[in-house]
Amino acid sequence: MRRFPGRRATTTTTTGTMRAVVQDVFGGPDVLHLGEVPVPDIAEDEVLVQVRAAGVDRGVWHTMTGLPYLGRLAFGLRRPRNPVPGMDLAGVVVAVGAQVTRFAVGDDVLGGGRSTFADYAAASEQSLAHKPAGLSFTQAAAVPVSAVTALKAVQDLGRVAEGQQVLILGASGGVGSYAVQLAKAAGAHVTAVCSGAKRDYVLALGADRAVDYESGDFADGREAYDVVLDIGGNPSVARLRRSLTRRGTAVIVGGEGGGRFTGGLHRQFTALALSPFVPQRLTTLLALVRADSLERLLPLIDAGAIVPSIDRTFALGEAAQALDRLASGKVRGKIVLTL
């Protein structure tokens, strides 16, 4: 049995090394390979989780490619600061730090962790929640990053309320699939923007109307929306404003598109700089997975108001294929690695 410094005694039988998806340089999916790395140590406020499933999201794509370059201030200038990618996880607690009070060995959990594309991952106690018994590990791994981001966008920043007209750009992706369901649960009328091939999918999620971005224009002036959630899109701030009511709110989520230096983040900077001088509220979001947000989501999942939507699952050794799938633009909902 491997000894983990600072942990309470456990019955875990983990050995000194584990399987993990590893990348030594920035690049496309071909830089990912399966390797052997040490089982991570944990701090006093952390737990060690045996990973049963790990979600794949756009954040993983950015840390893999090292794009935009501005992001390298966080994830490494010349090479990945953390060679094992992954943030979402669902699994079983196998060790706990001395200060951990909410979890014990054997608990099923979901949440955010470090380097989750591996057999074991360390996670802060404050970024985890107990997994509901009715949720599979695969479904649970699809929740943390995407559903928390959608929750923050819809409820906290968008302040979506009953009867409002809500427009969601990127409605068919991981975050978008949750945003559609959360906005409908709030009683809003939802217009989803996606490709024509995904029209039936977003309508099945609960959207009232679907707009094909290849043949329609959400900012043509025919409709004005109380809230616009721009999830992974790249329209200009001016176009977002044209789609809003006079006192409407636009929430820019993530930073896709744009140049290699700032990516789509220039739109976020523009929105924040302009917002104090216009009647509309222009805001941005980069959400972190926290236990309190997960606890707000789980009752909605238990009640069936939101359902994790799984596009496809891949084995741990197929991480490169999973990222290829993510980049293809064909994904409906979430991709999950299963261990």
Protein backbone atom coordinates (compact mmCIF):
# COMPACT_ATOMS: atom_id res chain seq x y z
CA MET A 1 0.00 0.00 0.00
CA ARG A 2 1.35 3.42 -0.94
CA ARG A 3 1.63 5.86 1.96
CA PHE A 4 0.22 9.32 1.33
CA PRO A 5 1.81 12.04 3.53
CA GLY A 6 -0.67 13.99 5.63
CA ARG A 7 -3.58 11.58 5.10
CA ARG A 8 -5.66 9.80 7.63
CA ALA A 9 -5.19 6.03 7.52
CA THR A 10 -7.19 4.39 4.74
CA THR A 11 -7.76 0.93 3.34
CA THR A 12 -6.86 1.97 -0.21
CA THR A 13 -4.74 -0.50 -2.15
CA THR A 14 -3.38 1.96 -4.72
CA THR A 15 0.21 1.41 -5.84
CA GLY A 16 2.90 3.96 -6.50
CA THR A 17 2.08 4.57 -10.15
CA MET A 18 -1.05 4.80 -12.24
CA ARG A 19 -2.23 5.13 -15.81
CA ALA A 20 -2.72 8.68 -17.05
CA VAL A 21 -3.15 10.62 -20.26
CA VAL A 22 0.08 12.60 -20.67
CA GLN A 23 1.23 15.43 -22.91
CA ASP A 24 4.80 16.75 -22.96
CA VAL A 25 4.27 19.59 -25.46
CA PHE A 26 1.44 21.79 -26.69
CA GLY A 27 -0.33 20.70 -29.85
CA GLY A 28 -3.25 18.81 -31.31
CA PRO A 29 -4.75 15.56 -30.02
CA ASP A 30 -1.75 13.60 -31.30
CA VAL A 31 0.36 14.98 -28.42
CA LEU A 32 -1.73 12.93 -25.97
CA HIS A 33 -0.54 9.46 -25.02
CA LEU A 34 -1.20 6.95 -22.27
CA GLY A 35 1.61 6.68 -19.74
CA GLU A 36 2.54 5.77 -16.17
CA VAL A 37 2.89 8.56 -13.60
CA PRO A 38 3.05 8.69 -9.80
CA VAL A 39 -0.21 8.59 -7.86
CA PRO A 40 -0.71 12.21 -6.73
CA ASP A 41 -0.15 13.36 -3.17
CA ILE A 42 -2.94 15.31 -1.53
CA ALA A 43 -2.96 18.34 0.76
CA GLU A 44 -4.71 18.36 4.13
CA ASP A 45 -7.89 19.84 2.61
CA GLU A 46 -7.98 17.45 -0.34
CA VAL A 47 -9.16 13.94 -1.14
CA LEU A 48 -7.79 11.32 -3.49
CA VAL A 49 -10.41 10.00 -5.89
CA GLN A 50 -10.30 6.79 -7.86
CA VAL A 51 -11.63 8.15 -11.13
CA ARG A 52 -14.45 6.19 -12.74
CA ALA A 53 -15.24 8.76 -15.44
CA ALA A 54 -13.91 12.17 -16.54
CA GLY A 55 -15.66 14.81 -18.61
CA VAL A 56 -14.07 16.38 -21.69
CA ASP A 57 -14.57 20.12 -22.19
CA ARG A 58 -13.21 23.08 -24.13
CA GLY A 59 -10.88 23.97 -21.27
CA VAL A 60 -9.02 20.72 -21.89
CA TRP A 61 -8.67 21.68 -25.56
CA HIS A 62 -7.11 25.02 -24.63
CA THR A 63 -4.63 23.52 -22.16
CA MET A 64 -3.71 20.84 -24.72
CA THR A 65 -3.10 23.26 -27.60
CA GLY A 66 -1.67 26.11 -25.52
CA LEU A 67 -4.09 28.46 -27.29
CA PRO A 68 -4.75 31.27 -26.96
CA TYR A 69 -1.22 32.29 -26.02
CA LEU A 70 -2.57 34.53 -23.28
CA GLY A 71 -3.77 31.41 -21.49
CA ARG A 72 -0.19 30.15 -21.16
CA LEU A 73 0.24 32.54 -18.26
CA ALA A 74 -1.93 30.01 -16.40
CA PHE A 75 -1.09 26.65 -17.97
CA GLY A 76 2.58 26.99 -18.95
CA LEU A 77 4.66 29.25 -21.19
CA ARG A 78 6.74 26.78 -23.22
CA ARG A 79 5.27 23.43 -22.20
CA PRO A 80 2.29 22.27 -20.14
CA ARG A 81 2.78 23.12 -16.48
CA ASN A 82 0.58 20.14 -15.69
CA PRO A 83 1.31 17.26 -18.10
CA VAL A 84 -1.90 15.35 -17.25
CA PRO A 85 -5.07 17.12 -18.50
CA GLY A 86 -8.62 16.98 -17.21
CA MET A 87 -10.86 18.86 -14.74
CA ASP A 88 -14.18 16.97 -14.47
CA LEU A 89 -14.39 13.76 -12.48
CA ALA A 90 -16.71 11.24 -10.89
CA GLY A 91 -15.39 8.44 -8.75
CA VAL A 92 -14.78 6.96 -5.31
CA VAL A 93 -12.82 8.55 -2.44
CA VAL A 94 -9.83 6.38 -1.49
CA ALA A 95 -7.94 8.77 0.82
CA VAL A 96 -8.69 11.98 2.70
CA GLY A 97 -6.57 14.82 4.05
CA ALA A 98 -6.39 15.53 7.77
CA GLN A 99 -8.66 18.60 7.54
CA VAL A 100 -11.37 17.01 5.37
CA THR A 101 -14.74 16.75 7.13
CA ARG A 102 -17.33 16.30 4.37
CA PHE A 103 -16.06 13.05 2.83
CA ALA A 104 -14.84 9.65 3.93
CA VAL A 105 -13.15 6.75 2.18
CA GLY A 106 -15.70 4.90 0.05
CA ASP A 107 -17.89 7.93 -0.77
CA ASP A 108 -19.04 8.35 -4.37
CA VAL A 109 -18.33 11.91 -5.51
CA LEU A 110 -18.43 14.24 -8.49
CA GLY A 111 -16.80 17.58 -9.07
CA GLY A 112 -13.63 19.29 -10.18
CA GLY A 113 -10.10 17.97 -9.69
CA ARG A 114 -6.53 18.18 -10.94
CA SER A 115 -5.34 15.99 -13.79
CA THR A 116 -8.49 13.89 -13.93
CA PHE A 117 -7.59 11.94 -17.08
CA ALA A 118 -6.00 9.31 -14.86
CA ASP A 119 -6.78 6.38 -12.58
CA TYR A 120 -6.54 8.67 -9.53
CA ALA A 121 -6.90 12.42 -9.10
CA ALA A 122 -6.54 14.89 -6.24
CA ALA A 123 -9.44 17.26 -5.58
CA SER A 124 -10.19 19.98 -3.07
CA GLU A 125 -12.95 19.17 -0.62
CA GLN A 126 -14.59 22.45 -1.66
CA SER A 127 -14.88 21.40 -5.31
CA LEU A 128 -16.74 18.12 -4.72
CA ALA A 129 -20.23 16.91 -3.89
CA HIS A 130 -21.67 13.51 -3.07
CA LYS A 131 -22.86 11.71 -6.19
CA PRO A 132 -26.59 10.94 -6.17
CA ALA A 133 -27.27 7.21 -6.21
CA GLY A 134 -29.50 7.55 -9.27
CA LEU A 135 -26.74 9.15 -11.35
CA SER A 136 -24.22 6.88 -13.07
CA PHE A 137 -20.52 7.75 -12.89
CA THR A 138 -20.60 8.56 -16.61
CA GLN A 139 -23.53 10.95 -16.19
CA ALA A 140 -21.98 12.48 -13.09
CA ALA A 141 -18.70 13.21 -14.88
CA ALA A 142 -20.63 15.22 -17.48
CA VAL A 143 -21.93 17.61 -14.84
CA PRO A 144 -19.25 19.67 -13.03
CA VAL A 145 -17.57 22.16 -15.40
CA SER A 146 -20.34 22.46 -17.99
CA ALA A 147 -23.37 22.45 -15.70
CA VAL A 148 -21.79 24.83 -13.17
CA THR A 149 -20.85 27.21 -15.98
CA ALA A 150 -24.41 27.09 -17.32
CA LEU A 151 -25.84 27.63 -13.83
CA LYS A 152 -23.70 30.72 -13.31
CA ALA A 153 -24.60 32.08 -16.74
CA VAL A 154 -28.34 31.47 -16.51
CA GLN A 155 -29.08 32.19 -12.86
CA ASP A 156 -26.30 34.33 -11.40
CA LEU A 157 -25.31 36.61 -14.28
CA GLY A 158 -28.20 36.25 -16.73
CA ARG A 159 -30.79 36.35 -13.92
CA VAL A 160 -33.20 34.53 -16.21
CA ALA A 161 -36.79 34.79 -15.00
CA GLU A 162 -40.17 33.42 -15.97
CA GLY A 163 -41.60 34.84 -19.18
CA GLN A 164 -38.33 36.29 -20.46
CA GLN A 165 -37.10 35.83 -24.01
CA VAL A 166 -33.70 34.10 -23.88
CA LEU A 167 -31.31 33.50 -26.78
CA ILE A 168 -28.60 30.84 -26.39
CA LEU A 169 -25.72 30.72 -28.87
CA GLY A 170 -23.91 27.39 -28.92
CA ALA A 171 -26.95 25.65 -27.47
CA SER A 172 -25.98 22.12 -28.53
CA GLY A 173 -22.64 21.85 -26.72
CA GLY A 174 -21.76 20.81 -23.20
CA VAL A 175 -22.55 24.13 -21.51
CA GLY A 176 -25.31 24.99 -23.96
CA SER A 177 -27.24 21.78 -23.39
CA TYR A 178 -27.45 22.59 -19.68
CA ALA A 179 -28.21 26.28 -20.31
CA VAL A 180 -31.25 25.40 -22.44
CA GLN A 181 -32.62 23.15 -19.70
CA LEU A 182 -31.90 25.63 -16.89
CA ALA A 183 -33.52 28.52 -18.77
CA LYS A 184 -36.61 26.42 -19.44
CA ALA A 185 -36.72 25.36 -15.79
CA ALA A 186 -36.79 29.07 -14.93
CA GLY A 187 -39.85 29.54 -17.14
CA ALA A 188 -38.20 31.41 -20.01
CA HIS A 189 -38.98 31.19 -23.72
CA VAL A 190 -35.76 29.82 -25.23
CA THR A 191 -34.43 30.36 -28.72
CA ALA A 192 -31.45 28.11 -29.43
CA VAL A 193 -28.83 28.88 -32.08
CA CYS A 194 -27.06 25.84 -33.53
CA SER A 195 -26.37 24.09 -36.82
CA GLY A 196 -29.31 22.79 -38.80
CA ALA A 197 -28.20 19.22 -38.12
CA LYS A 198 -28.69 19.76 -34.39
CA ARG A 199 -32.09 21.44 -34.56
CA ASP A 200 -34.03 18.41 -33.37
CA TYR A 201 -31.54 17.86 -30.56
CA VAL A 202 -31.93 21.33 -29.01
CA LEU A 203 -35.70 21.18 -29.39
CA ALA A 204 -35.66 17.85 -27.54
CA LEU A 205 -33.72 19.58 -24.74
CA GLY A 206 -36.66 21.94 -24.35
CA ALA A 207 -35.87 24.91 -26.60
CA ASP A 208 -38.98 26.60 -27.96
CA ARG A 209 -37.33 27.58 -31.23
CA ALA A 210 -34.11 26.76 -33.08
CA VAL A 211 -32.19 29.09 -35.40
CA ASP A 212 -29.68 27.64 -37.87
CA TYR A 213 -26.64 29.92 -37.68
CA GLU A 214 -25.74 29.04 -41.27
CA SER A 215 -29.00 30.31 -42.73
CA GLY A 216 -30.43 32.64 -40.06
CA ASP A 217 -29.25 35.79 -38.31
CA PHE A 218 -30.13 36.20 -34.65
CA ALA A 219 -29.18 39.90 -34.83
CA ASP A 220 -31.31 40.87 -37.85
CA GLY A 221 -33.50 43.13 -35.71
CA ARG A 222 -36.64 41.02 -35.97
CA GLU A 223 -36.37 39.78 -32.38
CA ALA A 224 -35.13 41.40 -29.20
CA TYR A 225 -34.13 39.24 -26.25
CA ASP A 226 -34.06 39.96 -22.55
CA VAL A 227 -31.01 37.73 -22.09
CA VAL A 228 -28.43 36.51 -24.60
CA LEU A 229 -26.05 33.75 -23.53
CA ASP A 230 -23.10 33.58 -25.92
CA ILE A 231 -21.55 30.18 -25.24
CA GLY A 232 -18.49 29.47 -27.33
CA GLY A 233 -19.53 31.75 -30.19
CA ASN A 234 -17.66 34.62 -31.78
CA PRO A 235 -20.13 37.38 -32.72
CA SER A 236 -19.00 40.93 -32.11
CA VAL A 237 -20.21 42.79 -29.04
CA ALA A 238 -22.09 45.13 -31.40
CA ARG A 239 -24.07 42.19 -32.83
CA LEU A 240 -24.87 40.92 -29.37
CA ARG A 241 -26.19 44.35 -28.41
CA ARG A 242 -28.39 44.51 -31.53
CA SER A 243 -30.11 41.32 -30.41
CA LEU A 244 -30.91 42.68 -26.93
CA THR A 245 -33.79 44.72 -25.58
CA ARG A 246 -32.87 48.19 -24.36
CA ARG A 247 -32.27 46.91 -20.82
CA GLY A 248 -31.23 43.40 -21.79
CA THR A 249 -28.27 41.36 -20.54
CA ALA A 250 -25.58 39.61 -22.57
CA VAL A 251 -23.37 37.00 -20.92
CA ILE A 252 -20.24 35.96 -22.83
CA VAL A 253 -19.08 32.52 -21.75
CA GLY A 254 -15.60 31.35 -22.63
CA GLY A 255 -13.41 32.78 -25.35
CA GLU A 256 -13.63 30.78 -28.56
CA GLY A 257 -12.56 32.02 -31.98
CA GLY A 258 -10.44 35.10 -32.51
CA GLY A 259 -6.68 35.27 -32.93
CA ARG A 260 -3.99 33.05 -31.49
CA PHE A 261 -2.91 35.57 -28.84
CA THR A 262 -6.17 36.43 -27.03
CA GLY A 263 -8.60 34.05 -28.75
CA GLY A 264 -12.15 35.28 -28.25
CA LEU A 265 -11.25 37.05 -25.01
CA HIS A 266 -11.03 40.41 -26.78
CA ARG A 267 -14.84 40.38 -26.91
CA GLN A 268 -14.99 39.93 -23.15
CA PHE A 269 -12.62 42.83 -22.60
CA THR A 270 -14.72 44.97 -24.95
CA ALA A 271 -17.96 44.04 -23.20
CA LEU A 272 -16.63 44.86 -19.75
CA ALA A 273 -15.21 48.19 -20.91
CA LEU A 274 -18.43 49.22 -22.70
CA SER A 275 -21.02 48.04 -20.17
CA PRO A 276 -20.83 51.06 -17.78
CA PHE A 277 -21.67 53.42 -20.65
CA VAL A 278 -24.70 51.70 -22.22
CA PRO A 279 -28.17 50.86 -20.84
CA GLN A 280 -27.67 47.15 -21.51
CA ARG A 281 -25.71 44.94 -19.12
CA LEU A 282 -22.73 43.26 -20.76
CA THR A 283 -20.89 40.73 -18.67
CA THR A 284 -18.58 37.74 -18.94
CA LEU A 285 -18.07 34.47 -17.14
CA LEU A 286 -15.27 32.05 -16.36
CA ALA A 287 -16.77 29.67 -13.79
CA LEU A 288 -14.93 27.51 -11.26
CA VAL A 289 -16.41 24.29 -9.92
CA ARG A 290 -17.39 24.77 -6.27
CA ALA A 291 -19.36 22.58 -3.91
CA ASP A 292 -22.10 25.17 -3.34
CA SER A 293 -22.84 25.36 -7.08
CA LEU A 294 -22.92 21.57 -7.36
CA GLU A 295 -25.34 21.42 -4.43
CA ARG A 296 -27.64 23.85 -6.24
CA LEU A 297 -27.60 21.67 -9.35
CA LEU A 298 -28.15 18.26 -7.81
CA PRO A 299 -31.78 18.85 -6.70
CA LEU A 300 -32.62 19.90 -10.27
CA ILE A 301 -31.00 16.73 -11.58
CA ASP A 302 -32.81 14.61 -8.99
CA ALA A 303 -36.11 16.20 -10.02
CA GLY A 304 -35.41 15.59 -13.72
CA ALA A 305 -35.47 19.31 -14.55
CA ILE A 306 -32.01 18.93 -16.11
CA VAL A 307 -30.50 15.74 -17.49
CA PRO A 308 -26.84 15.18 -18.44
CA SER A 309 -26.65 14.68 -22.19
CA ILE A 310 -23.87 12.30 -23.28
CA ASP A 311 -22.74 12.49 -26.90
CA ARG A 312 -20.23 9.64 -26.74
CA THR A 313 -17.92 7.84 -24.33
CA PHE A 314 -14.29 6.88 -24.90
CA ALA A 315 -11.84 4.75 -22.93
CA LEU A 316 -8.96 6.49 -21.13
CA GLY A 317 -6.51 5.41 -23.84
CA GLU A 318 -8.76 7.01 -26.47
CA ALA A 319 -8.38 10.57 -25.16
CA ALA A 320 -6.92 11.75 -28.49
CA GLN A 321 -10.01 10.47 -30.34
CA ALA A 322 -12.23 12.18 -27.76
CA LEU A 323 -10.52 15.53 -28.35
CA ASP A 324 -10.75 15.00 -32.11
CA ARG A 325 -14.47 14.46 -31.67
CA LEU A 326 -14.76 17.61 -29.57
CA ALA A 327 -13.03 19.67 -32.26
CA SER A 328 -15.21 18.27 -35.04
CA GLY A 329 -18.21 20.43 -34.17
CA LYS A 330 -20.48 17.38 -34.24
CA VAL A 331 -20.83 16.93 -30.49
CA ARG A 332 -24.28 17.00 -28.92
CA GLY A 333 -23.85 17.58 -25.21
CA LYS A 334 -20.84 16.08 -23.44
CA ILE A 335 -18.04 13.64 -24.19
CA VAL A 336 -16.88 11.47 -21.29
CA LEU A 337 -13.83 9.27 -20.73
CA THR A 338 -14.68 6.09 -18.83
CA LEU A 339 -12.18 4.16 -16.73
